[in-house]
């Protein structure tokens, strides 16, 4: 198993997925040979050569397609498809987009097993690559990444009610429209509320950073360590996650698991994960996002209902279930 992303000091997204899968496999006593260490093209060639020599029962690649591409059919491989964003026209990390576009078509053909993290991702995959054998695809979902007992929020003084937004700053995560929607709230409501953005710099994010810096009661905190992030989520008045597209949408699940009401998009995988346990909005409409924020901030009964529904919805997802589905597919 390629564990490089799982062992990073600051795992996010795919790295969190790999970390939790590795922990669950090891908890069950399943033998896992970890492919960690560095990176670069030479690293991938060396790992592919080692895997060919050792002939494991399965080579699992949860975050990268390079080693499966090099292995071809010489060893049974399994890949995880988190999303197909690299094949869309919207802005994305240029290097990642180039690598995925180059490698994925061949890997889809040679991989023994293909795991998708949502039905939305599976449908997107089959739409973009209709020749892919659907019998090789298994939807495995994801589990919460937050602690069931998050620590207290360490602040010098109590925070006012705040809306939390999680994710790397980039056009796809839609922080720009979220800030615009927050700025459009009635002044009396905006003055007693804060919008906190937690996430590192991404790509084409200059306008987002500039608007955050120049908007009253909007705070961009950058990357937030895991324990602090858990506490931040748990103490939020609501989570706002109006992304345009997600493979799964972990922040939605994490917030529901901690009893935090969620506003998210009515498209892609977010509605699949949230079901009827979140307030769904049109991510392209600043007005729709603003109306949703108003409802969450002013309607206590709505917040209470979403909290109760969210906790029950979150119980449907776990890393134990994810690994059960993976093992069920390969055995």
C-alpha atoms as a PDB file:
ATOM      1  CA  UNK A   1       0.000   0.000   0.000  1.00  0.00           C
ATOM      2  CA  UNK A   2       1.258   3.441  -0.937  1.00  0.00           C
ATOM      3  CA  UNK A   3       1.254   5.188   2.447  1.00  0.00           C
ATOM      4  CA  UNK A   4       3.150   8.385   1.618  1.00  0.00           C
ATOM      5  CA  UNK A   5       0.151  10.695   1.913  1.00  0.00           C
ATOM      6  CA  UNK A   6      -0.997   8.938   5.086  1.00  0.00           C
ATOM      7  CA  UNK A   7       2.325   9.638   6.815  1.00  0.00           C
ATOM      8  CA  UNK A   8       2.548  13.331   5.977  1.00  0.00           C
ATOM      9  CA  UNK A   9       2.698  15.693   8.968  1.00  0.00           C
ATOM     10  CA  UNK A  10      -0.359  17.517   7.629  1.00  0.00           C
ATOM     11  CA  UNK A  11      -2.527  14.973   5.804  1.00  0.00           C
ATOM     12  CA  UNK A  12      -5.584  16.354   4.045  1.00  0.00           C
ATOM     13  CA  UNK A  13      -8.180  14.818   1.743  1.00  0.00           C
ATOM     14  CA  UNK A  14      -6.631  11.753   0.129  1.00  0.00           C
ATOM     15  CA  UNK A  15      -4.001  11.586   2.870  1.00  0.00           C
ATOM     16  CA  UNK A  16      -6.676  11.335   5.579  1.00  0.00           C
ATOM     17  CA  UNK A  17      -8.403   8.609   3.586  1.00  0.00           C
ATOM     18  CA  UNK A  18      -5.168   6.602   3.295  1.00  0.00           C
ATOM     19  CA  UNK A  19      -4.343   7.128   6.986  1.00  0.00           C
ATOM     20  CA  UNK A  20      -7.698   5.816   8.218  1.00  0.00           C
ATOM     21  CA  UNK A  21      -7.700   2.874   5.805  1.00  0.00           C
ATOM     22  CA  UNK A  22      -4.196   1.888   6.960  1.00  0.00           C
ATOM     23  CA  UNK A  23      -5.200   2.132  10.632  1.00  0.00           C
ATOM     24  CA  UNK A  24      -8.274  -0.026  10.111  1.00  0.00           C
ATOM     25  CA  UNK A  25      -6.393  -2.690   8.146  1.00  0.00           C
ATOM     26  CA  UNK A  26      -3.721  -2.853  10.847  1.00  0.00           C
ATOM     27  CA  UNK A  27      -6.348  -2.955  13.604  1.00  0.00           C
ATOM     28  CA  UNK A  28      -7.719  -6.098  11.980  1.00  0.00           C
ATOM     29  CA  UNK A  29      -4.275  -7.690  11.853  1.00  0.00           C
ATOM     30  CA  UNK A  30      -4.142  -7.645   8.053  1.00  0.00           C
ATOM     31  CA  UNK A  31      -0.568  -7.697   6.803  1.00  0.00           C
ATOM     32  CA  UNK A  32       0.245  -4.438   5.041  1.00  0.00           C
ATOM     33  CA  UNK A  33       3.628  -3.720   3.479  1.00  0.00           C
ATOM     34  CA  UNK A  34       3.908   0.050   3.514  1.00  0.00           C
ATOM     35  CA  UNK A  35       5.388   1.913   0.576  1.00  0.00           C
ATOM     36  CA  UNK A  36       6.460   5.130   2.226  1.00  0.00           C
ATOM     37  CA  UNK A  37       9.409   7.438   1.945  1.00  0.00           C
ATOM     38  CA  UNK A  38      10.019  10.040  -0.698  1.00  0.00           C
ATOM     39  CA  UNK A  39       8.663  10.533  -4.165  1.00  0.00           C
ATOM     40  CA  UNK A  40       9.739  11.550  -7.619  1.00  0.00           C
ATOM     41  CA  UNK A  41       9.813   9.446 -10.739  1.00  0.00           C
ATOM     42  CA  UNK A  42      12.760   7.279  -9.640  1.00  0.00           C
ATOM     43  CA  UNK A  43      10.996   6.417  -6.378  1.00  0.00           C
ATOM     44  CA  UNK A  44       7.983   5.139  -8.326  1.00  0.00           C
ATOM     45  CA  UNK A  45      10.147   3.014 -10.639  1.00  0.00           C
ATOM     46  CA  UNK A  46      11.946   1.480  -7.649  1.00  0.00           C
ATOM     47  CA  UNK A  47       8.700   0.706  -5.858  1.00  0.00           C
ATOM     48  CA  UNK A  48       7.181  -0.832  -8.970  1.00  0.00           C
ATOM     49  CA  UNK A  49      10.277  -3.029  -9.393  1.00  0.00           C
ATOM     50  CA  UNK A  50      10.131  -4.118  -5.730  1.00  0.00           C
ATOM     51  CA  UNK A  51       6.428  -4.938  -5.981  1.00  0.00           C
ATOM     52  CA  UNK A  52       7.008  -7.051  -9.088  1.00  0.00           C
ATOM     53  CA  UNK A  53       9.702  -9.032  -7.224  1.00  0.00           C
ATOM     54  CA  UNK A  54       7.739  -9.569  -3.999  1.00  0.00           C
ATOM     55  CA  UNK A  55       4.429 -10.337  -5.784  1.00  0.00           C
ATOM     56  CA  UNK A  56       1.965  -9.268  -3.050  1.00  0.00           C
ATOM     57  CA  UNK A  57      -1.623 -10.505  -3.166  1.00  0.00           C
ATOM     58  CA  UNK A  58      -2.669  -6.943  -3.972  1.00  0.00           C
ATOM     59  CA  UNK A  59      -1.020  -3.573  -4.511  1.00  0.00           C
ATOM     60  CA  UNK A  60      -3.325  -0.872  -3.157  1.00  0.00           C
ATOM     61  CA  UNK A  61      -2.833   2.677  -4.365  1.00  0.00           C
ATOM     62  CA  UNK A  62      -5.202   5.026  -2.488  1.00  0.00           C
ATOM     63  CA  UNK A  63      -3.726   8.338  -3.638  1.00  0.00           C
ATOM     64  CA  UNK A  64      -1.633   7.962  -6.805  1.00  0.00           C
ATOM     65  CA  UNK A  65      -1.867   6.259 -10.199  1.00  0.00           C
ATOM     66  CA  UNK A  66       1.847   6.205 -11.067  1.00  0.00           C
ATOM     67  CA  UNK A  67       2.828   2.837  -9.560  1.00  0.00           C
ATOM     68  CA  UNK A  68      -0.319   1.074 -10.895  1.00  0.00           C
ATOM     69  CA  UNK A  69       0.481   2.547 -14.318  1.00  0.00           C
ATOM     70  CA  UNK A  70       4.009   1.134 -14.150  1.00  0.00           C
ATOM     71  CA  UNK A  71       2.836  -2.263 -12.884  1.00  0.00           C
ATOM     72  CA  UNK A  72       0.228  -2.774 -15.577  1.00  0.00           C
ATOM     73  CA  UNK A  73      -1.174  -6.288 -15.186  1.00  0.00           C
ATOM     74  CA  UNK A  74       2.039  -7.815 -13.779  1.00  0.00           C
ATOM     75  CA  UNK A  75       0.569  -7.614 -10.253  1.00  0.00           C
ATOM     76  CA  UNK A  76      -3.043  -7.379  -9.083  1.00  0.00           C
ATOM     77  CA  UNK A  77      -3.681  -3.704  -8.363  1.00  0.00           C
ATOM     78  CA  UNK A  78      -6.468  -1.722  -6.749  1.00  0.00           C
ATOM     79  CA  UNK A  79      -6.910   2.010  -7.171  1.00  0.00           C
ATOM     80  CA  UNK A  80      -9.111   4.520  -5.379  1.00  0.00           C
ATOM     81  CA  UNK A  81     -10.922   7.168  -7.412  1.00  0.00           C
ATOM     82  CA  UNK A  82     -11.647  10.145  -5.190  1.00  0.00           C
ATOM     83  CA  UNK A  83     -12.917  12.441  -7.923  1.00  0.00           C
ATOM     84  CA  UNK A  84     -12.614  13.223 -11.635  1.00  0.00           C
ATOM     85  CA  UNK A  85     -11.891  16.921 -11.181  1.00  0.00           C
ATOM     86  CA  UNK A  86      -8.721  16.683 -13.277  1.00  0.00           C
ATOM     87  CA  UNK A  87     -10.928  15.927 -16.287  1.00  0.00           C
ATOM     88  CA  UNK A  88     -13.208  18.931 -15.842  1.00  0.00           C
ATOM     89  CA  UNK A  89     -12.710  22.370 -17.343  1.00  0.00           C
ATOM     90  CA  UNK A  90     -12.746  24.200 -14.037  1.00  0.00           C
ATOM     91  CA  UNK A  91      -9.463  25.414 -12.471  1.00  0.00           C
ATOM     92  CA  UNK A  92      -7.334  22.735 -10.842  1.00  0.00           C
ATOM     93  CA  UNK A  93      -3.742  22.104  -9.835  1.00  0.00           C
ATOM     94  CA  UNK A  94      -1.954  21.958 -13.210  1.00  0.00           C
ATOM     95  CA  UNK A  95       0.590  19.255 -12.316  1.00  0.00           C
ATOM     96  CA  UNK A  96      -1.981  16.934 -10.725  1.00  0.00           C
ATOM     97  CA  UNK A  97      -4.320  17.429 -13.673  1.00  0.00           C
ATOM     98  CA  UNK A  98      -1.628  16.561 -16.201  1.00  0.00           C
ATOM     99  CA  UNK A  99      -0.551  13.400 -14.344  1.00  0.00           C
ATOM    100  CA  UNK A 100      -4.079  12.094 -13.869  1.00  0.00           C
ATOM    101  CA  UNK A 101      -5.080  12.779 -17.465  1.00  0.00           C
ATOM    102  CA  UNK A 102      -1.992  10.961 -18.695  1.00  0.00           C
ATOM    103  CA  UNK A 103      -2.203   7.903 -16.432  1.00  0.00           C
ATOM    104  CA  UNK A 104      -5.804   7.173 -15.516  1.00  0.00           C
ATOM    105  CA  UNK A 105      -7.102   5.855 -18.880  1.00  0.00           C
ATOM    106  CA  UNK A 106      -4.546   3.013 -18.908  1.00  0.00           C
ATOM    107  CA  UNK A 107      -4.875   2.305 -15.185  1.00  0.00           C
ATOM    108  CA  UNK A 108      -8.642   1.917 -15.462  1.00  0.00           C
ATOM    109  CA  UNK A 109      -7.999  -0.829 -17.987  1.00  0.00           C
ATOM    110  CA  UNK A 110      -5.250  -2.672 -16.094  1.00  0.00           C
ATOM    111  CA  UNK A 111      -6.438  -2.372 -12.473  1.00  0.00           C
ATOM    112  CA  UNK A 112      -8.072  -5.477 -10.996  1.00  0.00           C
ATOM    113  CA  UNK A 113     -10.250  -3.431  -8.636  1.00  0.00           C
ATOM    114  CA  UNK A 114     -11.524   0.148  -8.775  1.00  0.00           C
ATOM    115  CA  UNK A 115     -12.838   1.756  -5.598  1.00  0.00           C
ATOM    116  CA  UNK A 116     -14.943   4.935  -5.762  1.00  0.00           C
ATOM    117  CA  UNK A 117     -15.711   7.000  -2.665  1.00  0.00           C
ATOM    118  CA  UNK A 118     -19.304   7.798  -3.686  1.00  0.00           C
ATOM    119  CA  UNK A 119     -21.979   6.919  -6.208  1.00  0.00           C
ATOM    120  CA  UNK A 120     -21.504  10.410  -7.641  1.00  0.00           C
ATOM    121  CA  UNK A 121     -17.837   9.635  -8.327  1.00  0.00           C
ATOM    122  CA  UNK A 122     -18.721   6.264  -9.861  1.00  0.00           C
ATOM    123  CA  UNK A 123     -21.301   7.873 -12.155  1.00  0.00           C
ATOM    124  CA  UNK A 124     -18.823  10.582 -13.133  1.00  0.00           C
ATOM    125  CA  UNK A 125     -16.201   7.938 -13.887  1.00  0.00           C
ATOM    126  CA  UNK A 126     -18.514   5.897 -16.128  1.00  0.00           C
ATOM    127  CA  UNK A 127     -19.684   9.033 -17.895  1.00  0.00           C
ATOM    128  CA  UNK A 128     -16.147  10.162 -18.671  1.00  0.00           C
ATOM    129  CA  UNK A 129     -14.787   6.652 -19.324  1.00  0.00           C
ATOM    130  CA  UNK A 130     -17.753   4.608 -20.608  1.00  0.00           C
ATOM    131  CA  UNK A 131     -15.514   1.700 -21.658  1.00  0.00           C
ATOM    132  CA  UNK A 132     -14.552   1.025 -18.030  1.00  0.00           C
ATOM    133  CA  UNK A 133     -15.769  -2.379 -16.858  1.00  0.00           C
ATOM    134  CA  UNK A 134     -18.437  -1.549 -14.232  1.00  0.00           C
ATOM    135  CA  UNK A 135     -18.025  -4.979 -12.601  1.00  0.00           C
ATOM    136  CA  UNK A 136     -14.595  -3.850 -11.359  1.00  0.00           C
ATOM    137  CA  UNK A 137     -16.040  -0.820  -9.557  1.00  0.00           C
ATOM    138  CA  UNK A 138     -17.084  -0.829  -5.901  1.00  0.00           C
ATOM    139  CA  UNK A 139     -18.403   2.197  -4.023  1.00  0.00           C
ATOM    140  CA  UNK A 140     -16.763   2.200  -0.585  1.00  0.00           C
ATOM    141  CA  UNK A 141     -17.627   5.654   0.851  1.00  0.00           C
ATOM    142  CA  UNK A 142     -15.556   7.174   3.671  1.00  0.00           C
ATOM    143  CA  UNK A 143     -15.799   7.642   7.432  1.00  0.00           C
ATOM    144  CA  UNK A 144     -15.528  10.606   9.812  1.00  0.00           C
ATOM    145  CA  UNK A 145     -12.045  11.963  10.437  1.00  0.00           C
ATOM    146  CA  UNK A 146     -12.878  13.864  13.631  1.00  0.00           C
ATOM    147  CA  UNK A 147     -12.436  12.691  17.216  1.00  0.00           C
ATOM    148  CA  UNK A 148     -15.645  11.611  18.920  1.00  0.00           C
ATOM    149  CA  UNK A 149     -14.540  13.731  21.902  1.00  0.00           C
ATOM    150  CA  UNK A 150     -12.883  16.854  20.471  1.00  0.00           C
ATOM    151  CA  UNK A 151     -10.817  19.022  22.840  1.00  0.00           C
ATOM    152  CA  UNK A 152     -12.022  22.374  24.118  1.00  0.00           C
ATOM    153  CA  UNK A 153     -11.448  25.340  21.866  1.00  0.00           C
ATOM    154  CA  UNK A 154      -8.399  27.188  23.184  1.00  0.00           C
ATOM    155  CA  UNK A 155      -9.136  30.907  22.918  1.00  0.00           C
ATOM    156  CA  UNK A 156      -8.280  33.891  25.084  1.00  0.00           C
ATOM    157  CA  UNK A 157     -11.939  34.933  25.058  1.00  0.00           C
ATOM    158  CA  UNK A 158     -15.202  33.276  23.964  1.00  0.00           C
ATOM    159  CA  UNK A 159     -15.860  33.383  20.238  1.00  0.00           C
ATOM    160  CA  UNK A 160     -19.114  34.921  18.989  1.00  0.00           C
ATOM    161  CA  UNK A 161     -21.380  32.702  16.864  1.00  0.00           C
ATOM    162  CA  UNK A 162     -19.399  31.665  13.820  1.00  0.00           C
ATOM    163  CA  UNK A 163     -19.835  29.922  10.501  1.00  0.00           C
ATOM    164  CA  UNK A 164     -16.977  27.614   9.619  1.00  0.00           C
ATOM    165  CA  UNK A 165     -15.710  26.881   6.113  1.00  0.00           C
ATOM    166  CA  UNK A 166     -13.187  24.073   5.564  1.00  0.00           C
ATOM    167  CA  UNK A 167     -10.993  23.364   2.561  1.00  0.00           C
ATOM    168  CA  UNK A 168      -7.986  24.408   0.536  1.00  0.00           C
ATOM    169  CA  UNK A 169      -8.558  27.831  -0.972  1.00  0.00           C
ATOM    170  CA  UNK A 170      -9.447  27.374  -4.643  1.00  0.00           C
ATOM    171  CA  UNK A 171     -12.293  28.186  -7.041  1.00  0.00           C
ATOM    172  CA  UNK A 172     -13.865  24.714  -6.756  1.00  0.00           C
ATOM    173  CA  UNK A 173     -14.388  25.029  -3.003  1.00  0.00           C
ATOM    174  CA  UNK A 174     -16.367  28.220  -3.698  1.00  0.00           C
ATOM    175  CA  UNK A 175     -15.079  30.288  -0.789  1.00  0.00           C
ATOM    176  CA  UNK A 176     -15.402  33.424  -2.915  1.00  0.00           C
ATOM    177  CA  UNK A 177     -19.189  33.168  -3.240  1.00  0.00           C
ATOM    178  CA  UNK A 178     -19.440  32.138   0.411  1.00  0.00           C
ATOM    179  CA  UNK A 179     -17.684  35.337   1.516  1.00  0.00           C
ATOM    180  CA  UNK A 180     -19.854  37.376  -0.855  1.00  0.00           C
ATOM    181  CA  UNK A 181     -22.954  35.711   0.634  1.00  0.00           C
ATOM    182  CA  UNK A 182     -21.757  36.441   4.170  1.00  0.00           C
ATOM    183  CA  UNK A 183     -21.119  40.074   3.226  1.00  0.00           C
ATOM    184  CA  UNK A 184     -24.683  40.262   1.878  1.00  0.00           C
ATOM    185  CA  UNK A 185     -26.231  39.277   5.233  1.00  0.00           C
ATOM    186  CA  UNK A 186     -28.207  42.003   7.022  1.00  0.00           C
ATOM    187  CA  UNK A 187     -25.713  44.160   8.887  1.00  0.00           C
ATOM    188  CA  UNK A 188     -27.314  43.478  12.274  1.00  0.00           C
ATOM    189  CA  UNK A 189     -26.756  39.752  11.742  1.00  0.00           C
ATOM    190  CA  UNK A 190     -23.322  40.044  10.154  1.00  0.00           C
ATOM    191  CA  UNK A 191     -22.013  42.276  12.954  1.00  0.00           C
ATOM    192  CA  UNK A 192     -22.645  39.611  15.602  1.00  0.00           C
ATOM    193  CA  UNK A 193     -21.380  36.653  13.535  1.00  0.00           C
ATOM    194  CA  UNK A 194     -18.016  35.623  12.142  1.00  0.00           C
ATOM    195  CA  UNK A 195     -17.051  33.605   9.097  1.00  0.00           C
ATOM    196  CA  UNK A 196     -13.910  31.541   9.707  1.00  0.00           C
ATOM    197  CA  UNK A 197     -12.081  29.961   6.771  1.00  0.00           C
ATOM    198  CA  UNK A 198      -9.771  27.067   7.662  1.00  0.00           C
ATOM    199  CA  UNK A 199      -7.548  25.790   4.849  1.00  0.00           C
ATOM    200  CA  UNK A 200      -4.193  26.359   3.231  1.00  0.00           C
ATOM    201  CA  UNK A 201      -3.418  28.214   0.005  1.00  0.00           C
ATOM    202  CA  UNK A 202      -4.360  26.350  -3.152  1.00  0.00           C
ATOM    203  CA  UNK A 203      -4.500  27.630  -6.730  1.00  0.00           C
ATOM    204  CA  UNK A 204      -6.088  30.680  -8.323  1.00  0.00           C
ATOM    205  CA  UNK A 205      -6.946  31.817  -4.799  1.00  0.00           C
ATOM    206  CA  UNK A 206      -5.702  35.416  -4.863  1.00  0.00           C
ATOM    207  CA  UNK A 207      -9.190  36.900  -5.145  1.00  0.00           C
ATOM    208  CA  UNK A 208     -10.411  34.733  -2.258  1.00  0.00           C
ATOM    209  CA  UNK A 209      -7.566  35.816   0.027  1.00  0.00           C
ATOM    210  CA  UNK A 210      -8.008  39.481  -0.899  1.00  0.00           C
ATOM    211  CA  UNK A 211     -11.761  39.446  -0.267  1.00  0.00           C
ATOM    212  CA  UNK A 212     -11.313  37.622   3.060  1.00  0.00           C
ATOM    213  CA  UNK A 213      -8.772  40.201   4.242  1.00  0.00           C
ATOM    214  CA  UNK A 214     -11.029  43.106   3.308  1.00  0.00           C
ATOM    215  CA  UNK A 215     -14.320  41.749   4.647  1.00  0.00           C
ATOM    216  CA  UNK A 216     -15.335  42.658   8.223  1.00  0.00           C
ATOM    217  CA  UNK A 217     -15.777  39.660  10.554  1.00  0.00           C
ATOM    218  CA  UNK A 218     -14.196  37.273   8.026  1.00  0.00           C
ATOM    219  CA  UNK A 219     -11.072  35.462   9.208  1.00  0.00           C
ATOM    220  CA  UNK A 220      -8.824  33.196   7.164  1.00  0.00           C
ATOM    221  CA  UNK A 221      -6.797  30.973   9.506  1.00  0.00           C
ATOM    222  CA  UNK A 222      -4.815  28.974   6.960  1.00  0.00           C
ATOM    223  CA  UNK A 223      -3.995  25.350   7.714  1.00  0.00           C
ATOM    224  CA  UNK A 224      -5.385  24.250  11.110  1.00  0.00           C
ATOM    225  CA  UNK A 225      -3.878  21.167  12.883  1.00  0.00           C
ATOM    226  CA  UNK A 226      -6.194  18.169  13.350  1.00  0.00           C
ATOM    227  CA  UNK A 227      -7.002  18.511  17.064  1.00  0.00           C
ATOM    228  CA  UNK A 228      -7.578  22.242  16.816  1.00  0.00           C
ATOM    229  CA  UNK A 229      -9.709  21.687  13.733  1.00  0.00           C
ATOM    230  CA  UNK A 230     -11.893  19.135  15.555  1.00  0.00           C
ATOM    231  CA  UNK A 231     -12.505  21.674  18.315  1.00  0.00           C
ATOM    232  CA  UNK A 232     -13.244  24.406  15.784  1.00  0.00           C
ATOM    233  CA  UNK A 233     -15.841  22.242  14.018  1.00  0.00           C
ATOM    234  CA  UNK A 234     -17.456  21.157  17.285  1.00  0.00           C
ATOM    235  CA  UNK A 235     -17.918  24.765  18.469  1.00  0.00           C
ATOM    236  CA  UNK A 236     -19.157  26.189  15.162  1.00  0.00           C
ATOM    237  CA  UNK A 237     -22.690  27.514  14.900  1.00  0.00           C
ATOM    238  CA  UNK A 238     -22.821  25.933  11.450  1.00  0.00           C
ATOM    239  CA  UNK A 239     -20.573  24.536   8.742  1.00  0.00           C
ATOM    240  CA  UNK A 240     -20.834  26.106   5.282  1.00  0.00           C
ATOM    241  CA  UNK A 241     -19.514  23.922   2.471  1.00  0.00           C
ATOM    242  CA  UNK A 242     -20.970  25.173  -0.842  1.00  0.00           C
ATOM    243  CA  UNK A 243     -18.396  23.423  -3.041  1.00  0.00           C
ATOM    244  CA  UNK A 244     -19.078  23.008  -6.752  1.00  0.00           C
ATOM    245  CA  UNK A 245     -17.862  19.431  -6.842  1.00  0.00           C
ATOM    246  CA  UNK A 246     -16.521  16.836  -4.406  1.00  0.00           C
ATOM    247  CA  UNK A 247     -15.647  13.188  -4.628  1.00  0.00           C
ATOM    248  CA  UNK A 248     -17.140  12.665  -1.175  1.00  0.00           C
ATOM    249  CA  UNK A 249     -17.156  15.831   0.968  1.00  0.00           C
ATOM    250  CA  UNK A 250     -15.579  14.857   4.293  1.00  0.00           C
ATOM    251  CA  UNK A 251     -16.309  18.193   6.044  1.00  0.00           C
ATOM    252  CA  UNK A 252     -20.030  17.523   5.658  1.00  0.00           C
ATOM    253  CA  UNK A 253     -19.753  14.134   7.374  1.00  0.00           C
ATOM    254  CA  UNK A 254     -17.365  15.392  10.068  1.00  0.00           C
ATOM    255  CA  UNK A 255     -19.688  18.253  11.006  1.00  0.00           C
ATOM    256  CA  UNK A 256     -22.737  15.988  11.157  1.00  0.00           C
ATOM    257  CA  UNK A 257     -20.828  13.508  13.339  1.00  0.00           C
ATOM    258  CA  UNK A 258     -20.049  16.299  15.822  1.00  0.00           C
ATOM    259  CA  UNK A 259     -23.596  17.614  15.909  1.00  0.00           C
ATOM    260  CA  UNK A 260     -23.039  20.756  13.842  1.00  0.00           C
ATOM    261  CA  UNK A 261     -25.725  21.877  11.362  1.00  0.00           C
ATOM    262  CA  UNK A 262     -24.541  21.933   7.758  1.00  0.00           C
ATOM    263  CA  UNK A 263     -25.162  24.103   4.721  1.00  0.00           C
ATOM    264  CA  UNK A 264     -23.856  22.467   1.561  1.00  0.00           C
ATOM    265  CA  UNK A 265     -24.402  22.184  -2.184  1.00  0.00           C
ATOM    266  CA  UNK A 266     -27.319  20.469  -3.881  1.00  0.00           C
ATOM    267  CA  UNK A 267     -24.957  18.960  -6.480  1.00  0.00           C
ATOM    268  CA  UNK A 268     -22.244  16.293  -6.773  1.00  0.00           C
ATOM    269  CA  UNK A 269     -21.644  13.990  -3.780  1.00  0.00           C
ATOM    270  CA  UNK A 270     -22.589  16.491  -1.054  1.00  0.00           C
ATOM    271  CA  UNK A 271     -26.318  15.800  -1.274  1.00  0.00           C
ATOM    272  CA  UNK A 272     -25.560  12.061  -1.413  1.00  0.00           C
ATOM    273  CA  UNK A 273     -23.619  12.214   1.846  1.00  0.00           C
ATOM    274  CA  UNK A 274     -25.949  14.656   3.605  1.00  0.00           C
ATOM    275  CA  UNK A 275     -29.297  13.213   2.553  1.00  0.00           C
ATOM    276  CA  UNK A 276     -32.031  15.232   4.286  1.00  0.00           C
ATOM    277  CA  UNK A 277     -29.709  16.102   7.187  1.00  0.00           C
ATOM    278  CA  UNK A 278     -28.329  19.351   5.730  1.00  0.00           C
ATOM    279  CA  UNK A 279     -29.591  22.581   4.214  1.00  0.00           C
ATOM    280  CA  UNK A 280     -28.899  22.296   0.473  1.00  0.00           C
ATOM    281  CA  UNK A 281     -28.278  25.373  -1.683  1.00  0.00           C
ATOM    282  CA  UNK A 282     -27.354  26.215  -5.257  1.00  0.00           C
ATOM    283  CA  UNK A 283     -23.556  26.782  -5.093  1.00  0.00           C
ATOM    284  CA  UNK A 284     -23.652  29.070  -8.138  1.00  0.00           C
ATOM    285  CA  UNK A 285     -26.071  31.502  -6.473  1.00  0.00           C
ATOM    286  CA  UNK A 286     -24.711  33.989  -3.937  1.00  0.00           C
ATOM    287  CA  UNK A 287     -28.309  34.870  -3.096  1.00  0.00           C
ATOM    288  CA  UNK A 288     -29.238  31.242  -2.372  1.00  0.00           C
ATOM    289  CA  UNK A 289     -26.171  30.777  -0.155  1.00  0.00           C
ATOM    290  CA  UNK A 290     -26.962  34.032   1.693  1.00  0.00           C
ATOM    291  CA  UNK A 291     -30.564  32.964   2.308  1.00  0.00           C
ATOM    292  CA  UNK A 292     -29.342  29.619   3.599  1.00  0.00           C
ATOM    293  CA  UNK A 293     -26.912  31.291   6.002  1.00  0.00           C
ATOM    294  CA  UNK A 294     -29.712  33.513   7.297  1.00  0.00           C
ATOM    295  CA  UNK A 295     -31.960  30.523   7.947  1.00  0.00           C
ATOM    296  CA  UNK A 296     -29.252  28.647   9.824  1.00  0.00           C
ATOM    297  CA  UNK A 297     -28.299  31.640  11.951  1.00  0.00           C
ATOM    298  CA  UNK A 298     -31.840  32.745  12.823  1.00  0.00           C
ATOM    299  CA  UNK A 299     -33.869  29.526  13.012  1.00  0.00           C
ATOM    300  CA  UNK A 300     -33.038  27.587  16.196  1.00  0.00           C
ATOM    301  CA  UNK A 301     -35.603  24.885  15.399  1.00  0.00           C
ATOM    302  CA  UNK A 302     -33.972  24.290  12.012  1.00  0.00           C
ATOM    303  CA  UNK A 303     -30.529  23.996  13.609  1.00  0.00           C
ATOM    304  CA  UNK A 304     -31.843  21.552  16.202  1.00  0.00           C
ATOM    305  CA  UNK A 305     -33.524  19.440  13.518  1.00  0.00           C
ATOM    306  CA  UNK A 306     -30.388  19.322  11.351  1.00  0.00           C
ATOM    307  CA  UNK A 307     -28.223  18.439  14.345  1.00  0.00           C
ATOM    308  CA  UNK A 308     -30.451  15.478  15.243  1.00  0.00           C
ATOM    309  CA  UNK A 309     -30.735  14.278  11.647  1.00  0.00           C
ATOM    310  CA  UNK A 310     -27.018  14.787  11.044  1.00  0.00           C
ATOM    311  CA  UNK A 311     -25.963  12.654  14.002  1.00  0.00           C
ATOM    312  CA  UNK A 312     -28.153   9.785  12.787  1.00  0.00           C
ATOM    313  CA  UNK A 313     -26.976  10.203   9.200  1.00  0.00           C
ATOM    314  CA  UNK A 314     -23.321  10.138  10.254  1.00  0.00           C
ATOM    315  CA  UNK A 315     -23.808   6.740  11.892  1.00  0.00           C
ATOM    316  CA  UNK A 316     -24.221   5.243   8.406  1.00  0.00           C
ATOM    317  CA  UNK A 317     -20.570   5.994   7.597  1.00  0.00           C
ATOM    318  CA  UNK A 318     -17.474   4.502   9.227  1.00  0.00           C
ATOM    319  CA  UNK A 319     -13.982   3.368   8.261  1.00  0.00           C
ATOM    320  CA  UNK A 320     -14.944  -0.140   9.408  1.00  0.00           C
ATOM    321  CA  UNK A 321     -17.674  -0.131   6.775  1.00  0.00           C
ATOM    322  CA  UNK A 322     -15.274   1.253   4.171  1.00  0.00           C
ATOM    323  CA  UNK A 323     -12.785  -1.560   4.756  1.00  0.00           C
ATOM    324  CA  UNK A 324     -15.594  -4.140   4.886  1.00  0.00           C
ATOM    325  CA  UNK A 325     -16.666  -3.043   1.407  1.00  0.00           C
ATOM    326  CA  UNK A 326     -13.073  -3.113   0.127  1.00  0.00           C
ATOM    327  CA  UNK A 327     -12.394  -6.584   1.492  1.00  0.00           C
ATOM    328  CA  UNK A 328     -15.750  -7.828   0.243  1.00  0.00           C
ATOM    329  CA  UNK A 329     -14.780  -6.785  -3.275  1.00  0.00           C
ATOM    330  CA  UNK A 330     -11.349  -8.398  -3.329  1.00  0.00           C
ATOM    331  CA  UNK A 331     -12.096 -11.683  -1.538  1.00  0.00           C
END
